[in-house]
Amino acid sequence: MTAVPKTAARTAESPRRALLDASLDLIEAEGLEGFSMREVARRAGVSHQAPYHHFPDREAILAAIVAEGFERLRADSLAATEGESDPACRYHALGRAYVKFALSNPAHFKLMFRSELVREDKHEDAKACAEQAFDVLVNIVDEVSLANTGERDPALIFASWSMVHGLATLMLEGKLDKHFGASMDSRLAGAASVLKVLERVVKP
């Protein structure tokens, strides 16, 4: 018996969700270069016109994935830092959550920062979700700066984001596997060791 694709099995229950899941499966398997609405429809088990009942065009479905990705990143960041009172510990937990999100949600992560594919001026929901996720980073870095110097340090915000985003990207692409291993646990342990370096910079 031929197995029913998981996205097709969900179509009757939630057509929009099935299309998003099919899109994520396609991006993970073929990359953004291989993304097409027709292939999404095929993987979701619907007619090639069905996606347009929920998304007006290719960019709209990508924008929905971007919005969902930033919502998840924000939720993961808040959950990881909840209960931590020390700013430096919150800072470290946030960085680890960012890397874990990228490794756990590769299709989302690959798309979330591709502004040439999803234009902020056209998709307000995706833009708002991105800003809300970034605000978590800003607030926690500000906590560290204020605790150390009594002042905000915008440069530290961008330095922190650049480092953790670069680390997440390198790990997602397997560039650090020979150093840290390829399992989730070993990658997160490696990330923690790198983040400790940055943590030392922000401690008084």
Foldseek 3Di string as FASTA:
>chain_A
DDDQQPLLVCCVVPVLVSLLVLQLVCCVVPNPVPDDLQSSCVNNVHHSCVVCVPAVGDLRSLLVLLLVLLLVLQVQLCVQQPPPDDLLSSLLSNLLSLLLSCQVRVSSLSRNPPCVSHPCVVRVSSVVSNVSSLVSLQVSQQVLCCVVPVDRDVVLSVVSCVVSSVLSVCLNVVVCCVPQNNDSVSSSVVSSVVVVVVSVVSDD
